[in-house]
PDB file of all heavy atoms in Angstrom:
ATOM      1  N   GLU A   1      44.407 118.339 145.838  1.00  0.00           N
ATOM      2  CA  GLU A   1      44.923 117.720 144.615  1.00  0.00           C
ATOM      3  C   GLU A   1      44.786 118.679 143.435  1.00  0.00           C
ATOM      4  O   GLU A   1      45.697 118.781 142.597  1.00  0.00           O
ATOM      5  CB  GLU A   1      44.171 116.416 144.335  1.00  0.00           C
ATOM      6  CG  GLU A   1      44.572 115.270 145.260  1.00  0.00           C
ATOM      7  CD  GLU A   1      43.717 114.029 145.045  1.00  0.00           C
ATOM      8  OE1 GLU A   1      42.475 114.154 144.929  1.00  0.00           O
ATOM      9  OE2 GLU A   1      44.278 112.927 144.981  1.00  0.00           O
ATOM     10  N   PHE A   2      43.668 119.363 143.330  1.00  0.00           N
ATOM     11  CA  PHE A   2      43.496 120.352 142.259  1.00  0.00           C
ATOM     12  C   PHE A   2      44.554 121.448 142.365  1.00  0.00           C
ATOM     13  O   PHE A   2      45.166 121.842 141.369  1.00  0.00           O
ATOM     14  CB  PHE A   2      42.088 120.952 142.320  1.00  0.00           C
ATOM     15  CG  PHE A   2      41.093 120.281 141.403  1.00  0.00           C
ATOM     16  CD1 PHE A   2      40.879 118.906 141.459  1.00  0.00           C
ATOM     17  CD2 PHE A   2      40.370 121.015 140.485  1.00  0.00           C
ATOM     18  CE1 PHE A   2      39.969 118.284 140.633  1.00  0.00           C
ATOM     19  CE2 PHE A   2      39.456 120.403 139.639  1.00  0.00           C
ATOM     20  CZ  PHE A   2      39.248 119.032 139.710  1.00  0.00           C
ATOM     21  N   ASP A   3      44.770 121.936 143.588  1.00  0.00           N
ATOM     22  CA  ASP A   3      45.759 123.005 143.789  1.00  0.00           C
ATOM     23  C   ASP A   3      47.160 122.536 143.397  1.00  0.00           C
ATOM     24  O   ASP A   3      47.909 123.255 142.713  1.00  0.00           O
ATOM     25  CB  ASP A   3      45.760 123.462 145.247  1.00  0.00           C
ATOM     26  CG  ASP A   3      44.503 124.243 145.613  1.00  0.00           C
ATOM     27  OD1 ASP A   3      43.884 124.830 144.702  1.00  0.00           O
ATOM     28  OD2 ASP A   3      44.153 124.257 146.806  1.00  0.00           O
ATOM     29  N   ASN A   4      47.519 121.341 143.818  1.00  0.00           N
ATOM     30  CA  ASN A   4      48.866 120.833 143.554  1.00  0.00           C
ATOM     31  C   ASN A   4      49.101 120.540 142.071  1.00  0.00           C
ATOM     32  O   ASN A   4      50.200 120.762 141.554  1.00  0.00           O
ATOM     33  CB  ASN A   4      49.128 119.560 144.357  1.00  0.00           C
ATOM     34  CG  ASN A   4      49.174 119.818 145.854  1.00  0.00           C
ATOM     35  OD1 ASN A   4      49.330 120.958 146.290  1.00  0.00           O
ATOM     36  ND2 ASN A   4      49.021 118.762 146.636  1.00  0.00           N
ATOM     37  N   LEU A   5      48.075 120.046 141.395  1.00  0.00           N
ATOM     38  CA  LEU A   5      48.241 119.598 140.014  1.00  0.00           C
ATOM     39  C   LEU A   5      48.101 120.715 138.989  1.00  0.00           C
ATOM     40  O   LEU A   5      48.745 120.692 137.939  1.00  0.00           O
ATOM     41  CB  LEU A   5      47.201 118.509 139.686  1.00  0.00           C
ATOM     42  CG  LEU A   5      47.387 117.149 140.361  1.00  0.00           C
ATOM     43  CD1 LEU A   5      46.137 116.302 140.198  1.00  0.00           C
ATOM     44  CD2 LEU A   5      48.595 116.433 139.756  1.00  0.00           C
ATOM     45  N   LEU A   6      47.246 121.692 139.296  1.00  0.00           N
ATOM     46  CA  LEU A   6      46.837 122.630 138.250  1.00  0.00           C
ATOM     47  C   LEU A   6      47.468 124.007 138.344  1.00  0.00           C
ATOM     48  O   LEU A   6      47.344 124.815 137.413  1.00  0.00           O
ATOM     49  CB  LEU A   6      45.308 122.763 138.255  1.00  0.00           C
ATOM     50  CG  LEU A   6      44.545 121.461 137.980  1.00  0.00           C
ATOM     51  CD1 LEU A   6      43.058 121.678 138.126  1.00  0.00           C
ATOM     52  CD2 LEU A   6      44.868 120.930 136.592  1.00  0.00           C
ATOM     53  N   GLY A   7      48.111 124.318 139.441  1.00  0.00           N
ATOM     54  CA  GLY A   7      48.792 125.607 139.551  1.00  0.00           C
ATOM     55  C   GLY A   7      47.865 126.776 139.280  1.00  0.00           C
ATOM     56  O   GLY A   7      46.815 126.926 139.926  1.00  0.00           O
ATOM     57  N   ASN A   8      48.208 127.605 138.297  1.00  0.00           N
ATOM     58  CA  ASN A   8      47.423 128.805 138.000  1.00  0.00           C
ATOM     59  C   ASN A   8      46.015 128.499 137.488  1.00  0.00           C
ATOM     60  O   ASN A   8      45.131 129.356 137.544  1.00  0.00           O
ATOM     61  CB  ASN A   8      48.151 129.671 136.967  1.00  0.00           C
ATOM     62  CG  ASN A   8      49.443 130.244 137.512  1.00  0.00           C
ATOM     63  OD1 ASN A   8      49.600 130.412 138.724  1.00  0.00           O
ATOM     64  ND2 ASN A   8      50.397 130.538 136.620  1.00  0.00           N
ATOM     65  N   ASP A   9      45.818 127.273 136.974  1.00  0.00           N
ATOM     66  CA  ASP A   9      44.491 126.896 136.465  1.00  0.00           C
ATOM     67  C   ASP A   9      43.576 126.354 137.558  1.00  0.00           C
ATOM     68  O   ASP A   9      42.403 126.062 137.300  1.00  0.00           O
ATOM     69  CB  ASP A   9      44.623 125.823 135.376  1.00  0.00           C
ATOM     70  CG  ASP A   9      45.254 126.363 134.109  1.00  0.00           C
ATOM     71  OD1 ASP A   9      45.075 127.566 133.834  1.00  0.00           O
ATOM     72  OD2 ASP A   9      45.914 125.580 133.389  1.00  0.00           O
ATOM     73  N   ALA A  10      44.090 126.202 138.769  1.00  0.00           N
ATOM     74  CA  ALA A  10      43.318 125.556 139.838  1.00  0.00           C
ATOM     75  C   ALA A  10      42.046 126.322 140.155  1.00  0.00           C
ATOM     76  O   ALA A  10      40.970 125.729 140.334  1.00  0.00           O
ATOM     77  CB  ALA A  10      44.175 125.389 141.086  1.00  0.00           C
ATOM     78  N   SER A  11      42.142 127.630 140.238  1.00  0.00           N
ATOM     79  CA  SER A  11      40.974 128.430 140.607  1.00  0.00           C
ATOM     80  C   SER A  11      39.850 128.268 139.588  1.00  0.00           C
ATOM     81  O   SER A  11      38.683 128.063 139.948  1.00  0.00           O
ATOM     82  CB  SER A  11      41.370 129.906 140.725  1.00  0.00           C
ATOM     83  OG  SER A  11      40.245 130.699 141.036  1.00  0.00           O
ATOM     84  N   LEU A  12      40.192 128.341 138.296  1.00  0.00           N
ATOM     85  CA  LEU A  12      39.192 128.169 137.241  1.00  0.00           C
ATOM     86  C   LEU A  12      38.603 126.767 137.284  1.00  0.00           C
ATOM     87  O   LEU A  12      37.378 126.588 137.181  1.00  0.00           O
ATOM     88  CB  LEU A  12      39.835 128.428 135.873  1.00  0.00           C
ATOM     89  CG  LEU A  12      38.961 128.135 134.646  1.00  0.00           C
ATOM     90  CD1 LEU A  12      37.716 129.022 134.641  1.00  0.00           C
ATOM     91  CD2 LEU A  12      39.773 128.310 133.357  1.00  0.00           C
ATOM     92  N   ALA A  13      39.450 125.757 137.448  1.00  0.00           N
ATOM     93  CA  ALA A  13      38.981 124.367 137.467  1.00  0.00           C
ATOM     94  C   ALA A  13      38.047 124.114 138.637  1.00  0.00           C
ATOM     95  O   ALA A  13      37.014 123.441 138.490  1.00  0.00           O
ATOM     96  CB  ALA A  13      40.174 123.416 137.530  1.00  0.00           C
ATOM     97  N   LYS A  14      38.387 124.662 139.799  1.00  0.00           N
ATOM     98  CA  LYS A  14      37.526 124.476 140.977  1.00  0.00           C
ATOM     99  C   LYS A  14      36.176 125.152 140.778  1.00  0.00           C
ATOM    100  O   LYS A  14      35.146 124.643 141.207  1.00  0.00           O
ATOM    101  CB  LYS A  14      38.230 124.999 142.229  1.00  0.00           C
ATOM    102  CG  LYS A  14      39.398 124.111 142.667  1.00  0.00           C
ATOM    103  CD  LYS A  14      39.963 124.489 144.015  1.00  0.00           C
ATOM    104  CE  LYS A  14      40.728 125.800 143.982  1.00  0.00           C
ATOM    105  NZ  LYS A  14      41.385 126.087 145.286  1.00  0.00           N
ATOM    106  N   GLN A  15      36.204 126.288 140.115  1.00  0.00           N
ATOM    107  CA  GLN A  15      34.956 126.992 139.836  1.00  0.00           C
ATOM    108  C   GLN A  15      34.092 126.204 138.846  1.00  0.00           C
ATOM    109  O   GLN A  15      32.890 126.028 139.050  1.00  0.00           O
ATOM    110  CB  GLN A  15      35.273 128.377 139.265  1.00  0.00           C
ATOM    111  CG  GLN A  15      34.054 129.250 139.022  1.00  0.00           C
ATOM    112  CD  GLN A  15      34.458 130.610 138.463  1.00  0.00           C
ATOM    113  OE1 GLN A  15      35.528 130.777 137.895  1.00  0.00           O
ATOM    114  NE2 GLN A  15      33.588 131.593 138.643  1.00  0.00           N
ATOM    115  N   LEU A  16      34.715 125.716 137.784  1.00  0.00           N
ATOM    116  CA  LEU A  16      33.971 124.982 136.755  1.00  0.00           C
ATOM    117  C   LEU A  16      33.403 123.670 137.288  1.00  0.00           C
ATOM    118  O   LEU A  16      32.269 123.293 136.973  1.00  0.00           O
ATOM    119  CB  LEU A  16      34.893 124.678 135.569  1.00  0.00           C
ATOM    120  CG  LEU A  16      35.236 125.830 134.634  1.00  0.00           C
ATOM    121  CD1 LEU A  16      36.305 125.393 133.649  1.00  0.00           C
ATOM    122  CD2 LEU A  16      33.995 126.300 133.885  1.00  0.00           C
ATOM    123  N   TYR A  17      34.202 122.948 138.093  1.00  0.00           N
ATOM    124  CA  TYR A  17      33.838 121.607 138.529  1.00  0.00           C
ATOM    125  C   TYR A  17      33.277 121.555 139.952  1.00  0.00           C
ATOM    126  O   TYR A  17      33.098 120.478 140.513  1.00  0.00           O
ATOM    127  CB  TYR A  17      35.045 120.671 138.407  1.00  0.00           C
ATOM    128  CG  TYR A  17      35.402 120.326 136.977  1.00  0.00           C
ATOM    129  CD1 TYR A  17      36.738 120.201 136.587  1.00  0.00           C
ATOM    130  CD2 TYR A  17      34.423 120.114 136.018  1.00  0.00           C
ATOM    131  CE1 TYR A  17      37.082 119.874 135.279  1.00  0.00           C
ATOM    132  CE2 TYR A  17      34.750 119.793 134.716  1.00  0.00           C
ATOM    133  CZ  TYR A  17      36.074 119.680 134.340  1.00  0.00           C
ATOM    134  OH  TYR A  17      36.396 119.353 133.049  1.00  0.00           O
ATOM    135  N   HIS A  18      33.034 122.719 140.542  1.00  0.00           N
ATOM    136  CA  HIS A  18      32.401 122.822 141.864  1.00  0.00           C
ATOM    137  C   HIS A  18      33.179 122.056 142.936  1.00  0.00           C
ATOM    138  O   HIS A  18      32.607 121.279 143.714  1.00  0.00           O
ATOM    139  CB  HIS A  18      30.945 122.326 141.801  1.00  0.00           C
ATOM    140  CG  HIS A  18      30.095 123.106 140.843  1.00  0.00           C
ATOM    141  ND1 HIS A  18      30.022 122.830 139.500  1.00  0.00           N
ATOM    142  CD2 HIS A  18      29.302 124.178 141.041  1.00  0.00           C
ATOM    143  CE1 HIS A  18      29.203 123.686 138.905  1.00  0.00           C
ATOM    144  NE2 HIS A  18      28.756 124.518 139.814  1.00  0.00           N
ATOM    145  N   ILE A  19      34.476 122.271 142.946  1.00  0.00           N
ATOM    146  CA  ILE A  19      35.356 121.595 143.903  1.00  0.00           C
ATOM    147  C   ILE A  19      35.435 122.430 145.184  1.00  0.00           C
ATOM    148  O   ILE A  19      35.697 123.635 145.136  1.00  0.00           O
ATOM    149  CB  ILE A  19      36.764 121.403 143.315  1.00  0.00           C
ATOM    150  CG1 ILE A  19      36.698 120.665 141.961  1.00  0.00           C
ATOM    151  CG2 ILE A  19      37.675 120.676 144.296  1.00  0.00           C
ATOM    152  CD1 ILE A  19      36.090 119.284 142.016  1.00  0.00           C
ATOM    153  N   LYS A  20      35.221 121.780 146.323  1.00  0.00           N
ATOM    154  CA  LYS A  20      35.202 122.478 147.611  1.00  0.00           C
ATOM    155  C   LYS A  20      36.230 121.872 148.569  1.00  0.00           C
ATOM    156  O   LYS A  20      36.552 120.680 148.492  1.00  0.00           O
ATOM    157  CB  LYS A  20      33.813 122.377 148.246  1.00  0.00           C
ATOM    158  CG  LYS A  20      32.696 122.984 147.398  1.00  0.00           C
ATOM    159  CD  LYS A  20      31.349 122.766 148.067  1.00  0.00           C
ATOM    160  CE  LYS A  20      30.207 123.342 147.240  1.00  0.00           C
ATOM    161  NZ  LYS A  20      28.899 123.072 147.852  1.00  0.00           N
ATOM    162  N   LYS A  21      36.684 122.711 149.480  1.00  0.00           N
ATOM    163  CA  LYS A  21      37.645 122.240 150.486  1.00  0.00           C
ATOM    164  C   LYS A  21      37.033 121.145 151.343  1.00  0.00           C
ATOM    165  O   LYS A  21      37.685 120.158 151.695  1.00  0.00           O
ATOM    166  CB  LYS A  21      38.101 123.407 151.359  1.00  0.00           C
ATOM    167  CG  LYS A  21      39.187 123.026 152.357  1.00  0.00           C
ATOM    168  CD  LYS A  21      39.709 124.241 153.105  1.00  0.00           C
ATOM    169  CE  LYS A  21      40.850 123.862 154.045  1.00  0.00           C
ATOM    170  NZ  LYS A  21      41.405 125.037 154.750  1.00  0.00           N
ATOM    171  N   THR A  22      35.764 121.314 151.696  1.00  0.00           N
ATOM    172  CA  THR A  22      35.072 120.321 152.532  1.00  0.00           C
ATOM    173  C   THR A  22      34.531 119.155 151.719  1.00  0.00           C
ATOM    174  O   THR A  22      34.013 118.184 152.278  1.00  0.00           O
ATOM    175  CB  THR A  22      33.902 120.990 153.272  1.00  0.00           C
ATOM    176  OG1 THR A  22      33.044 121.620 152.310  1.00  0.00           O
ATOM    177  CG2 THR A  22      34.402 122.035 154.256  1.00  0.00           C
ATOM    178  N   GLY A  23      34.653 119.264 150.390  1.00  0.00           N
ATOM    179  CA  GLY A  23      34.133 118.220 149.510  1.00  0.00           C
ATOM    180  C   GLY A  23      32.691 118.510 149.123  1.00  0.00           C
ATOM    181  O   GLY A  23      31.925 119.054 149.909  1.00  0.00           O
ATOM    182  N   ASN A  24      32.330 118.153 147.900  1.00  0.00           N
ATOM    183  CA  ASN A  24      30.923 118.288 147.490  1.00  0.00           C
ATOM    184  C   ASN A  24      30.175 116.973 147.603  1.00  0.00           C
ATOM    185  O   ASN A  24      28.996 116.882 147.271  1.00  0.00           O
ATOM    186  CB  ASN A  24      30.819 118.849 146.067  1.00  0.00           C
ATOM    187  CG  ASN A  24      31.439 117.932 145.005  1.00  0.00           C
ATOM    188  OD1 ASN A  24      31.543 116.724 145.176  1.00  0.00           O
ATOM    189  ND2 ASN A  24      31.852 118.531 143.882  1.00  0.00           N
TER     190      ASN A  24
END
């Protein structure tokens, strides 16, 4: 969902919010 919604910002958002493929 992060990847689909945020485009170029996805990487930064995942880093900031600790988003993982397997889930946190």
